Amino acid sequence: MSALRWYDRATNIVRALAGRPETVYAHCDIPCGIYDPHEAQIAALTVIRMDQMIAETTPPAPGAKPEEIQLYNEKIARFTAVKELHAEKAKHEIRVIFGDYFTADHLKAFPQTSDLVFKIFKQASKARQGIALADAQELLNEVQEFAEIFWKTKNVATRKIPSHQKSGGDLVVPAA
């Protein structure tokens, strides 16, 4: 362990023992206070797009050359890897906002949030496991619902705007 990390840990222990713990609020270990469900929405749109690209990729014809078969397999593998990465990213973004930003008061005002987060986690896993476009679209719908609740906790009105991405779909953004 580096001397600096040791010093930081020791300082935190001394503060805690002295009754002076510091309270921080942030989506990371730096108290910047910036949270936004935009990245989760983009990740869900990416899952949709990867399912679209998988569906649009024509399998090689029977008797195709080995290079054609390999090219097809590589494309499908890349699309699948990206889809899985972004399904996990959607879960990560929601998990961070829910775990670090949401308070007991937020959950009291929006009691459906815990169940919605659970549904998002399950839906992201389902979207990873298959290539059904409906599963990816449902993930986006649930993430959008979460985004609406998130902005309501900040007393910010929202609206849906076209994403202007090849996947289609909308983004929930602040109305102002």
Protein backbone atom coordinates (compact mmCIF):
# COMPACT_ATOMS: atom_id res chain seq x y z
CA MET A 1 0.00 0.00 0.00
CA SER A 2 1.35 3.40 -0.95
CA ALA A 3 2.22 5.90 1.74
CA LEU A 4 -0.50 8.26 0.47
CA ARG A 5 -3.23 5.60 0.66
CA TRP A 6 -2.06 4.64 4.13
CA TYR A 7 -2.14 8.29 5.20
CA ASP A 8 -5.67 8.73 3.79
CA ARG A 9 -6.93 5.66 5.61
CA ALA A 10 -5.28 6.71 8.83
CA THR A 11 -6.76 10.21 8.52
CA ASN A 12 -10.25 8.76 7.97
CA ILE A 13 -9.89 6.50 11.02
CA VAL A 14 -8.75 9.42 13.19
CA ARG A 15 -11.67 11.57 11.98
CA ALA A 16 -14.15 8.79 12.68
CA LEU A 17 -12.74 8.17 16.17
CA ALA A 18 -12.79 11.90 16.88
CA GLY A 19 -16.49 12.02 15.97
CA ARG A 20 -15.89 14.16 12.88
CA PRO A 21 -16.89 11.92 9.98
CA GLU A 22 -17.43 13.75 6.72
CA THR A 23 -20.69 13.35 4.84
CA VAL A 24 -20.40 13.37 1.07
CA TYR A 25 -23.00 13.03 -1.67
CA ALA A 26 -21.93 12.07 -5.17
CA HIS A 27 -22.12 9.40 -7.85
CA CYS A 28 -18.46 8.63 -7.31
CA ASP A 29 -15.97 8.99 -4.51
CA ILE A 30 -15.53 12.67 -5.30
CA PRO A 31 -18.37 14.81 -3.92
CA CYS A 32 -19.26 16.56 -7.18
CA GLY A 33 -23.01 15.96 -6.74
CA ILE A 34 -23.59 15.30 -10.46
CA TYR A 35 -26.18 12.66 -11.36
CA ASP A 36 -28.03 12.21 -14.62
CA PRO A 37 -29.82 9.16 -16.06
CA HIS A 38 -28.83 10.18 -19.60
CA GLU A 39 -26.04 7.59 -19.84
CA ALA A 40 -28.43 4.80 -18.81
CA GLN A 41 -30.81 5.84 -21.59
CA ILE A 42 -27.99 5.89 -24.15
CA ALA A 43 -26.90 2.44 -22.98
CA ALA A 44 -30.46 1.12 -23.41
CA LEU A 45 -30.63 2.64 -26.91
CA THR A 46 -27.35 0.88 -27.71
CA VAL A 47 -28.85 -2.46 -26.63
CA ILE A 48 -31.73 -1.81 -29.03
CA ARG A 49 -29.36 -0.92 -31.85
CA MET A 50 -27.23 -4.02 -31.35
CA ASP A 51 -30.34 -6.23 -31.52
CA GLN A 52 -31.31 -4.42 -34.73
CA MET A 53 -27.85 -4.96 -36.21
CA ILE A 54 -27.88 -8.64 -35.27
CA ALA A 55 -31.27 -9.01 -36.99
CA GLU A 56 -30.01 -7.15 -40.08
CA THR A 57 -26.91 -9.32 -40.47
CA THR A 58 -27.46 -12.00 -43.07
CA PRO A 59 -26.07 -15.42 -42.21
CA PRO A 60 -23.77 -16.94 -44.80
CA ALA A 61 -25.38 -19.17 -47.39
CA PRO A 62 -24.95 -22.92 -47.15
CA GLY A 63 -21.58 -23.84 -48.61
CA ALA A 64 -20.16 -20.35 -47.97
CA LYS A 65 -16.43 -19.90 -47.83
CA PRO A 66 -14.83 -20.26 -44.39
CA GLU A 67 -13.84 -16.55 -44.50
CA GLU A 68 -17.50 -15.55 -44.98
CA ILE A 69 -18.58 -17.75 -42.08
CA GLN A 70 -15.82 -16.33 -39.91
CA LEU A 71 -16.74 -12.73 -40.84
CA TYR A 72 -20.38 -13.38 -39.95
CA ASN A 73 -19.44 -14.98 -36.62
CA GLU A 74 -17.11 -12.10 -35.78
CA LYS A 75 -19.82 -9.50 -36.51
CA ILE A 76 -22.37 -11.32 -34.35
CA ALA A 77 -19.81 -11.73 -31.57
CA ARG A 78 -18.97 -7.99 -31.64
CA PHE A 79 -22.61 -6.94 -31.67
CA THR A 80 -23.35 -9.32 -28.80
CA ALA A 81 -20.37 -8.13 -26.76
CA VAL A 82 -21.35 -4.49 -27.19
CA LYS A 83 -24.98 -5.27 -26.33
CA GLU A 84 -23.93 -7.05 -23.14
CA LEU A 85 -21.55 -4.26 -22.18
CA HIS A 86 -24.24 -1.61 -22.57
CA ALA A 87 -26.93 -3.64 -20.79
CA GLU A 88 -24.51 -3.85 -17.88
CA LYS A 89 -23.74 -0.13 -18.21
CA ALA A 90 -27.46 0.68 -17.95
CA LYS A 91 -27.61 -1.40 -14.76
CA HIS A 92 -24.50 0.29 -13.40
CA GLU A 93 -25.78 3.82 -14.06
CA ILE A 94 -29.15 3.06 -12.44
CA ARG A 95 -27.46 1.32 -9.50
CA VAL A 96 -25.20 4.31 -8.82
CA ILE A 97 -28.00 6.87 -8.99
CA PHE A 98 -30.33 4.73 -6.90
CA GLY A 99 -27.69 3.84 -4.32
CA ASP A 100 -25.89 7.15 -4.03
CA TYR A 101 -28.48 9.80 -4.88
CA PHE A 102 -31.88 8.52 -3.77
CA THR A 103 -32.79 9.19 -0.15
CA ALA A 104 -35.47 7.80 2.14
CA ASP A 105 -37.53 10.93 1.43
CA HIS A 106 -37.29 10.29 -2.32
CA LEU A 107 -38.48 6.73 -1.82
CA LYS A 108 -41.33 7.91 0.36
CA ALA A 109 -42.42 10.34 -2.36
CA PHE A 110 -41.91 7.76 -5.14
CA PRO A 111 -42.49 4.35 -3.52
CA GLN A 112 -42.47 2.55 -6.88
CA THR A 113 -38.78 3.34 -7.38
CA SER A 114 -37.33 0.28 -5.61
CA ASP A 115 -39.52 -2.09 -7.59
CA LEU A 116 -38.70 -0.22 -10.80
CA VAL A 117 -34.95 -0.50 -10.17
CA PHE A 118 -35.36 -4.24 -9.57
CA LYS A 119 -37.32 -4.52 -12.83
CA ILE A 120 -34.60 -2.61 -14.71
CA PHE A 121 -31.93 -4.98 -13.42
CA LYS A 122 -33.98 -8.02 -14.44
CA GLN A 123 -34.91 -6.52 -17.81
CA ALA A 124 -31.31 -5.63 -18.62
CA SER A 125 -30.33 -9.22 -17.90
CA LYS A 126 -33.16 -10.49 -20.09
CA ALA A 127 -32.09 -8.16 -22.92
CA ARG A 128 -28.55 -9.55 -22.63
CA GLN A 129 -29.72 -13.15 -22.85
CA GLY A 130 -31.60 -12.88 -26.12
CA ILE A 131 -32.06 -10.79 -29.22
CA ALA A 132 -35.74 -9.95 -28.90
CA LEU A 133 -36.12 -6.30 -29.80
CA ALA A 134 -39.15 -6.10 -27.49
CA ASP A 135 -36.95 -6.95 -24.51
CA ALA A 136 -34.49 -4.18 -25.38
CA GLN A 137 -37.35 -1.72 -25.92
CA GLU A 138 -38.83 -2.62 -22.53
CA LEU A 139 -35.45 -1.90 -20.95
CA LEU A 140 -35.50 1.57 -22.51
CA ASN A 141 -39.08 2.15 -21.33
CA GLU A 142 -38.17 1.27 -17.75
CA VAL A 143 -35.02 3.40 -17.81
CA GLN A 144 -37.10 6.30 -19.14
CA GLU A 145 -39.57 5.84 -16.28
CA PHE A 146 -36.65 5.93 -13.84
CA ALA A 147 -35.37 9.12 -15.53
CA GLU A 148 -38.76 10.77 -15.08
CA ILE A 149 -38.80 9.89 -11.38
CA PHE A 150 -35.21 11.07 -10.96
CA TRP A 151 -36.00 14.50 -12.41
CA LYS A 152 -39.18 14.75 -10.32
CA THR A 153 -37.04 14.36 -7.18
CA LYS A 154 -35.29 17.54 -8.30
CA ASN A 155 -38.61 19.28 -9.09
CA VAL A 156 -37.65 19.40 -12.75
CA ALA A 157 -40.29 18.87 -15.42
CA THR A 158 -39.35 16.50 -18.23
CA ARG A 159 -40.19 15.90 -21.83
CA LYS A 160 -39.35 13.21 -24.34
CA ILE A 161 -37.30 14.16 -27.35
CA PRO A 162 -36.25 12.01 -30.30
CA SER A 163 -32.85 10.45 -29.73
CA HIS A 164 -31.86 10.98 -33.38
CA GLN A 165 -30.00 7.67 -33.17
CA LYS A 166 -30.25 4.82 -35.67
CA SER A 167 -31.99 2.78 -32.98
CA GLY A 168 -34.82 5.31 -32.88
CA GLY A 169 -36.41 5.90 -29.52
CA ASP A 170 -36.72 8.90 -27.28
CA LEU A 171 -34.76 10.39 -24.43
CA VAL A 172 -36.29 11.78 -21.25
CA VAL A 173 -34.69 15.18 -20.62
CA PRO A 174 -35.38 18.23 -18.47
CA ALA A 175 -38.09 20.35 -20.10
CA ALA A 176 -36.31 23.66 -19.62
